[in-house]
């Protein structure tokens, strides 16, 4: 299983909800087995920079690559990119759940 985690910060705090709403469109793309877009609770006193988190799980790297190749992914990137300051991404290979 691949865990895909992406962190975003907004250029302008007033755009945080628009970023979250824009990223929700990614959930319509097939291939993920779990997809979430959430606001960062910002409880960690050492890092309050991250505003929005995308978390998705994919059965394998092929599914993740198909997700990123989908037209909705490109359109969402074009829509959200002008509103974001930072974007950090991690793709983690993990044993399947229950395994």
N, C-alpha and C. Protein backbone atom coordinates (compact mmCIF):
# COMPACT_ATOMS: atom_id res chain seq x y z
N UNK A 1 0.85 -1.17 0.00
CA UNK A 1 0.00 0.00 0.00
C UNK A 1 0.89 1.24 0.00
N UNK A 2 0.44 2.27 -0.73
CA UNK A 2 1.13 3.55 -0.77
C UNK A 2 0.30 4.58 -0.02
N UNK A 3 0.91 5.26 0.92
CA UNK A 3 0.26 6.36 1.63
C UNK A 3 0.80 7.66 1.02
N UNK A 4 -0.11 8.45 0.50
CA UNK A 4 0.22 9.71 -0.18
C UNK A 4 -0.23 10.84 0.74
N UNK A 5 0.72 11.65 1.21
CA UNK A 5 0.42 12.72 2.16
C UNK A 5 0.98 14.02 1.59
N UNK A 6 0.12 15.03 1.48
CA UNK A 6 0.55 16.32 0.94
C UNK A 6 0.11 17.42 1.89
N UNK A 7 1.05 18.31 2.20
CA UNK A 7 0.81 19.43 3.10
C UNK A 7 0.83 20.74 2.32
N UNK A 8 -0.13 21.61 2.61
CA UNK A 8 -0.23 22.89 1.93
C UNK A 8 -0.29 24.03 2.94
N UNK A 9 0.30 25.16 2.59
CA UNK A 9 0.07 26.39 3.33
C UNK A 9 -0.44 27.43 2.34
N UNK A 10 -1.29 28.31 2.83
CA UNK A 10 -1.90 29.33 1.98
C UNK A 10 -1.04 30.59 1.96
N UNK A 11 -1.00 31.23 0.81
CA UNK A 11 -0.36 32.55 0.72
C UNK A 11 -1.12 33.56 1.57
N UNK A 12 -2.44 33.46 1.54
CA UNK A 12 -3.32 34.36 2.28
C UNK A 12 -4.25 33.50 3.14
N UNK A 13 -4.31 33.77 4.42
CA UNK A 13 -5.13 32.97 5.34
C UNK A 13 -6.59 32.93 4.91
N UNK A 14 -7.05 33.93 4.21
CA UNK A 14 -8.45 33.94 3.77
C UNK A 14 -8.73 32.91 2.67
N UNK A 15 -7.69 32.31 2.10
CA UNK A 15 -7.86 31.31 1.03
C UNK A 15 -7.81 29.86 1.53
N UNK A 16 -7.60 29.64 2.81
CA UNK A 16 -7.45 28.28 3.32
C UNK A 16 -8.66 27.42 2.96
N UNK A 17 -9.84 27.91 3.20
CA UNK A 17 -11.05 27.12 2.90
C UNK A 17 -11.21 26.91 1.40
N UNK A 18 -10.86 27.89 0.60
CA UNK A 18 -10.93 27.71 -0.87
C UNK A 18 -9.94 26.64 -1.33
N UNK A 19 -8.77 26.60 -0.72
CA UNK A 19 -7.79 25.56 -1.04
C UNK A 19 -8.36 24.19 -0.68
N UNK A 20 -8.90 24.08 0.54
CA UNK A 20 -9.47 22.80 0.97
C UNK A 20 -10.58 22.37 0.02
N UNK A 21 -11.48 23.26 -0.30
CA UNK A 21 -12.58 22.93 -1.21
C UNK A 21 -12.07 22.54 -2.59
N UNK A 22 -11.07 23.25 -3.09
CA UNK A 22 -10.50 22.91 -4.39
C UNK A 22 -9.86 21.53 -4.40
N UNK A 23 -9.16 21.20 -3.34
CA UNK A 23 -8.50 19.89 -3.25
C UNK A 23 -9.49 18.74 -3.11
N UNK A 24 -10.68 19.03 -2.62
CA UNK A 24 -11.70 17.98 -2.49
C UNK A 24 -12.02 17.34 -3.83
N UNK A 25 -11.85 18.05 -4.93
CA UNK A 25 -12.11 17.50 -6.27
C UNK A 25 -11.23 16.28 -6.55
N UNK A 26 -10.07 16.23 -5.92
CA UNK A 26 -9.18 15.07 -6.12
C UNK A 26 -9.83 13.77 -5.66
N UNK A 27 -10.75 13.86 -4.73
CA UNK A 27 -11.44 12.68 -4.22
C UNK A 27 -12.35 12.02 -5.24
N UNK A 28 -12.65 12.72 -6.34
CA UNK A 28 -13.48 12.13 -7.39
C UNK A 28 -12.67 11.27 -8.34
N UNK A 29 -11.36 11.34 -8.23
CA UNK A 29 -10.49 10.54 -9.11
C UNK A 29 -10.47 9.10 -8.60
N UNK A 30 -10.68 8.14 -9.49
CA UNK A 30 -10.59 6.74 -9.05
C UNK A 30 -9.16 6.38 -8.64
N UNK A 31 -8.98 5.23 -8.15
CA UNK A 31 -7.67 4.63 -7.84
C UNK A 31 -7.35 4.61 -6.35
N UNK A 32 -7.82 5.57 -5.54
CA UNK A 32 -7.49 5.55 -4.12
C UNK A 32 -8.49 4.67 -3.38
N UNK A 33 -8.02 4.07 -2.29
CA UNK A 33 -8.90 3.28 -1.44
C UNK A 33 -9.38 4.10 -0.24
N UNK A 34 -8.69 5.21 0.03
CA UNK A 34 -9.07 6.14 1.08
C UNK A 34 -8.60 7.51 0.63
N UNK A 35 -9.44 8.53 0.82
CA UNK A 35 -9.08 9.88 0.41
C UNK A 35 -9.67 10.88 1.40
N UNK A 36 -8.83 11.78 1.92
CA UNK A 36 -9.28 12.80 2.87
C UNK A 36 -8.58 14.12 2.58
N UNK A 37 -9.31 15.20 2.76
CA UNK A 37 -8.73 16.54 2.76
C UNK A 37 -9.18 17.18 4.07
N UNK A 38 -8.21 17.57 4.90
CA UNK A 38 -8.56 18.12 6.21
C UNK A 38 -7.77 19.39 6.49
N UNK A 39 -8.31 20.18 7.38
CA UNK A 39 -7.58 21.34 7.87
C UNK A 39 -6.66 20.89 8.99
N UNK A 40 -5.48 21.45 9.05
CA UNK A 40 -4.53 21.14 10.11
C UNK A 40 -5.05 21.72 11.43
N UNK A 41 -5.09 20.92 12.47
CA UNK A 41 -5.55 21.38 13.78
C UNK A 41 -4.56 22.35 14.43
N UNK A 42 -3.33 22.36 13.96
CA UNK A 42 -2.28 23.28 14.43
C UNK A 42 -2.08 23.21 15.94
N UNK A 43 -2.03 22.01 16.48
CA UNK A 43 -1.79 21.84 17.91
C UNK A 43 -0.30 21.71 18.24
N UNK A 44 0.53 21.44 17.24
CA UNK A 44 1.97 21.31 17.46
C UNK A 44 2.57 22.72 17.59
N UNK A 45 3.15 23.05 18.74
CA UNK A 45 3.66 24.41 18.94
C UNK A 45 4.88 24.74 18.08
N UNK A 46 5.52 23.72 17.50
CA UNK A 46 6.72 23.95 16.69
C UNK A 46 6.42 24.19 15.22
N UNK A 47 5.19 23.90 14.78
CA UNK A 47 4.88 24.10 13.36
C UNK A 47 3.39 24.39 13.17
N UNK A 48 3.11 25.62 12.90
CA UNK A 48 1.73 26.02 12.62
C UNK A 48 1.61 26.52 11.18
N UNK A 49 2.61 26.20 10.36
CA UNK A 49 2.68 26.68 8.99
C UNK A 49 1.69 25.96 8.07
N UNK A 50 1.47 24.68 8.28
CA UNK A 50 0.64 23.88 7.39
C UNK A 50 -0.83 24.15 7.66
N UNK A 51 -1.58 24.44 6.58
CA UNK A 51 -3.00 24.74 6.70
C UNK A 51 -3.91 23.58 6.31
N UNK A 52 -3.55 22.88 5.24
CA UNK A 52 -4.42 21.83 4.67
C UNK A 52 -3.58 20.58 4.42
N UNK A 53 -4.18 19.41 4.68
CA UNK A 53 -3.50 18.14 4.47
C UNK A 53 -4.36 17.24 3.59
N UNK A 54 -3.73 16.68 2.56
CA UNK A 54 -4.38 15.64 1.74
C UNK A 54 -3.76 14.32 2.15
N UNK A 55 -4.62 13.35 2.46
CA UNK A 55 -4.15 12.00 2.82
C UNK A 55 -4.91 11.01 1.96
N UNK A 56 -4.17 10.16 1.26
CA UNK A 56 -4.81 9.16 0.41
C UNK A 56 -4.01 7.86 0.49
N UNK A 57 -4.72 6.76 0.30
CA UNK A 57 -4.07 5.46 0.25
C UNK A 57 -4.37 4.82 -1.10
N UNK A 58 -3.34 4.17 -1.65
CA UNK A 58 -3.44 3.52 -2.95
C UNK A 58 -2.92 2.09 -2.82
N UNK A 59 -3.49 1.16 -3.56
CA UNK A 59 -3.03 -0.22 -3.43
C UNK A 59 -1.58 -0.42 -3.85
N UNK A 60 -1.11 0.40 -4.80
CA UNK A 60 0.26 0.25 -5.29
C UNK A 60 0.68 1.52 -6.02
N UNK A 61 1.94 1.58 -6.43
CA UNK A 61 2.48 2.76 -7.11
C UNK A 61 1.79 3.00 -8.45
N UNK A 62 1.38 1.95 -9.14
CA UNK A 62 0.67 2.13 -10.41
C UNK A 62 -0.63 2.90 -10.22
N UNK A 63 -1.34 2.61 -9.15
CA UNK A 63 -2.59 3.32 -8.87
C UNK A 63 -2.32 4.79 -8.55
N UNK A 64 -1.25 5.07 -7.80
CA UNK A 64 -0.89 6.45 -7.50
C UNK A 64 -0.51 7.20 -8.77
N UNK A 65 0.24 6.56 -9.63
CA UNK A 65 0.64 7.20 -10.89
C UNK A 65 -0.58 7.46 -11.78
N UNK A 66 -1.54 6.55 -11.81
CA UNK A 66 -2.76 6.74 -12.59
C UNK A 66 -3.57 7.91 -12.03
N UNK A 67 -3.61 8.03 -10.71
CA UNK A 67 -4.29 9.15 -10.04
C UNK A 67 -3.66 10.48 -10.46
N UNK A 68 -2.34 10.55 -10.44
CA UNK A 68 -1.65 11.78 -10.80
C UNK A 68 -1.75 12.11 -12.28
N UNK A 69 -2.00 11.11 -13.12
CA UNK A 69 -2.14 11.33 -14.56
C UNK A 69 -3.56 11.73 -14.96
N UNK A 70 -4.50 11.62 -14.04
CA UNK A 70 -5.91 11.92 -14.34
C UNK A 70 -6.07 13.42 -14.62
N UNK A 71 -6.92 13.80 -15.58
CA UNK A 71 -7.11 15.23 -15.91
C UNK A 71 -7.57 16.08 -14.72
N UNK A 72 -8.35 15.52 -13.82
CA UNK A 72 -8.81 16.28 -12.65
C UNK A 72 -7.64 16.68 -11.77
N UNK A 73 -6.62 15.85 -11.71
CA UNK A 73 -5.43 16.18 -10.92
C UNK A 73 -4.75 17.44 -11.47
N UNK A 74 -4.55 17.48 -12.78
CA UNK A 74 -3.93 18.64 -13.41
C UNK A 74 -4.76 19.90 -13.25
N UNK A 75 -6.08 19.77 -13.42
CA UNK A 75 -6.96 20.92 -13.29
C UNK A 75 -6.97 21.44 -11.85
N UNK A 76 -6.99 20.54 -10.90
CA UNK A 76 -6.97 20.94 -9.48
C UNK A 76 -5.67 21.65 -9.15
N UNK A 77 -4.57 21.15 -9.65
CA UNK A 77 -3.27 21.78 -9.43
C UNK A 77 -3.27 23.20 -9.98
N UNK A 78 -3.78 23.38 -11.19
CA UNK A 78 -3.82 24.72 -11.79
C UNK A 78 -4.69 25.68 -10.98
N UNK A 79 -5.77 25.17 -10.40
CA UNK A 79 -6.69 26.01 -9.63
C UNK A 79 -6.12 26.38 -8.25
N UNK A 80 -5.47 25.44 -7.60
CA UNK A 80 -5.01 25.64 -6.22
C UNK A 80 -3.63 26.31 -6.15
N UNK A 81 -2.77 26.02 -7.09
CA UNK A 81 -1.38 26.49 -7.03
C UNK A 81 -1.23 28.00 -6.79
N UNK A 82 -2.03 28.86 -7.43
CA UNK A 82 -1.86 30.30 -7.19
C UNK A 82 -2.19 30.74 -5.76
N UNK A 83 -2.92 29.92 -5.02
CA UNK A 83 -3.32 30.28 -3.66
C UNK A 83 -2.37 29.72 -2.60
N UNK A 84 -1.47 28.84 -2.98
CA UNK A 84 -0.63 28.19 -1.97
C UNK A 84 0.76 28.81 -1.92
N UNK A 85 1.32 28.75 -0.74
CA UNK A 85 2.70 29.19 -0.56
C UNK A 85 3.64 27.98 -0.59
N UNK A 86 3.35 26.99 0.25
CA UNK A 86 4.18 25.80 0.35
C UNK A 86 3.38 24.56 -0.01
N UNK A 87 4.09 23.57 -0.54
CA UNK A 87 3.50 22.25 -0.79
C UNK A 87 4.60 21.23 -0.55
N UNK A 88 4.35 20.34 0.39
CA UNK A 88 5.27 19.24 0.69
C UNK A 88 4.52 17.95 0.48
N UNK A 89 5.18 16.98 -0.16
CA UNK A 89 4.52 15.72 -0.46
C UNK A 89 5.40 14.56 -0.05
N UNK A 90 4.77 13.49 0.42
CA UNK A 90 5.48 12.26 0.76
C UNK A 90 4.64 11.07 0.30
N UNK A 91 5.30 10.10 -0.31
CA UNK A 91 4.66 8.85 -0.71
C UNK A 91 5.40 7.73 0.01
N UNK A 92 4.67 7.06 0.88
CA UNK A 92 5.26 6.08 1.77
C UNK A 92 4.74 4.69 1.44
N UNK A 93 5.64 3.77 1.21
CA UNK A 93 5.27 2.38 1.00
C UNK A 93 5.08 1.74 2.37
N UNK A 94 3.92 1.12 2.56
CA UNK A 94 3.59 0.55 3.87
C UNK A 94 2.97 -0.83 3.67
N UNK A 95 3.17 -1.72 4.61
CA UNK A 95 2.50 -3.02 4.50
C UNK A 95 0.99 -2.82 4.46
N UNK A 96 0.31 -3.71 3.77
CA UNK A 96 -1.15 -3.63 3.68
C UNK A 96 -1.76 -3.69 5.07
N UNK A 97 -2.91 -3.04 5.23
CA UNK A 97 -3.60 -3.06 6.51
C UNK A 97 -3.91 -4.49 6.92
N UNK A 98 -3.76 -4.74 8.19
CA UNK A 98 -4.08 -6.05 8.72
C UNK A 98 -3.01 -7.08 8.42
N UNK A 99 -1.90 -6.65 7.78
CA UNK A 99 -0.88 -7.61 7.38
C UNK A 99 0.33 -7.63 8.24
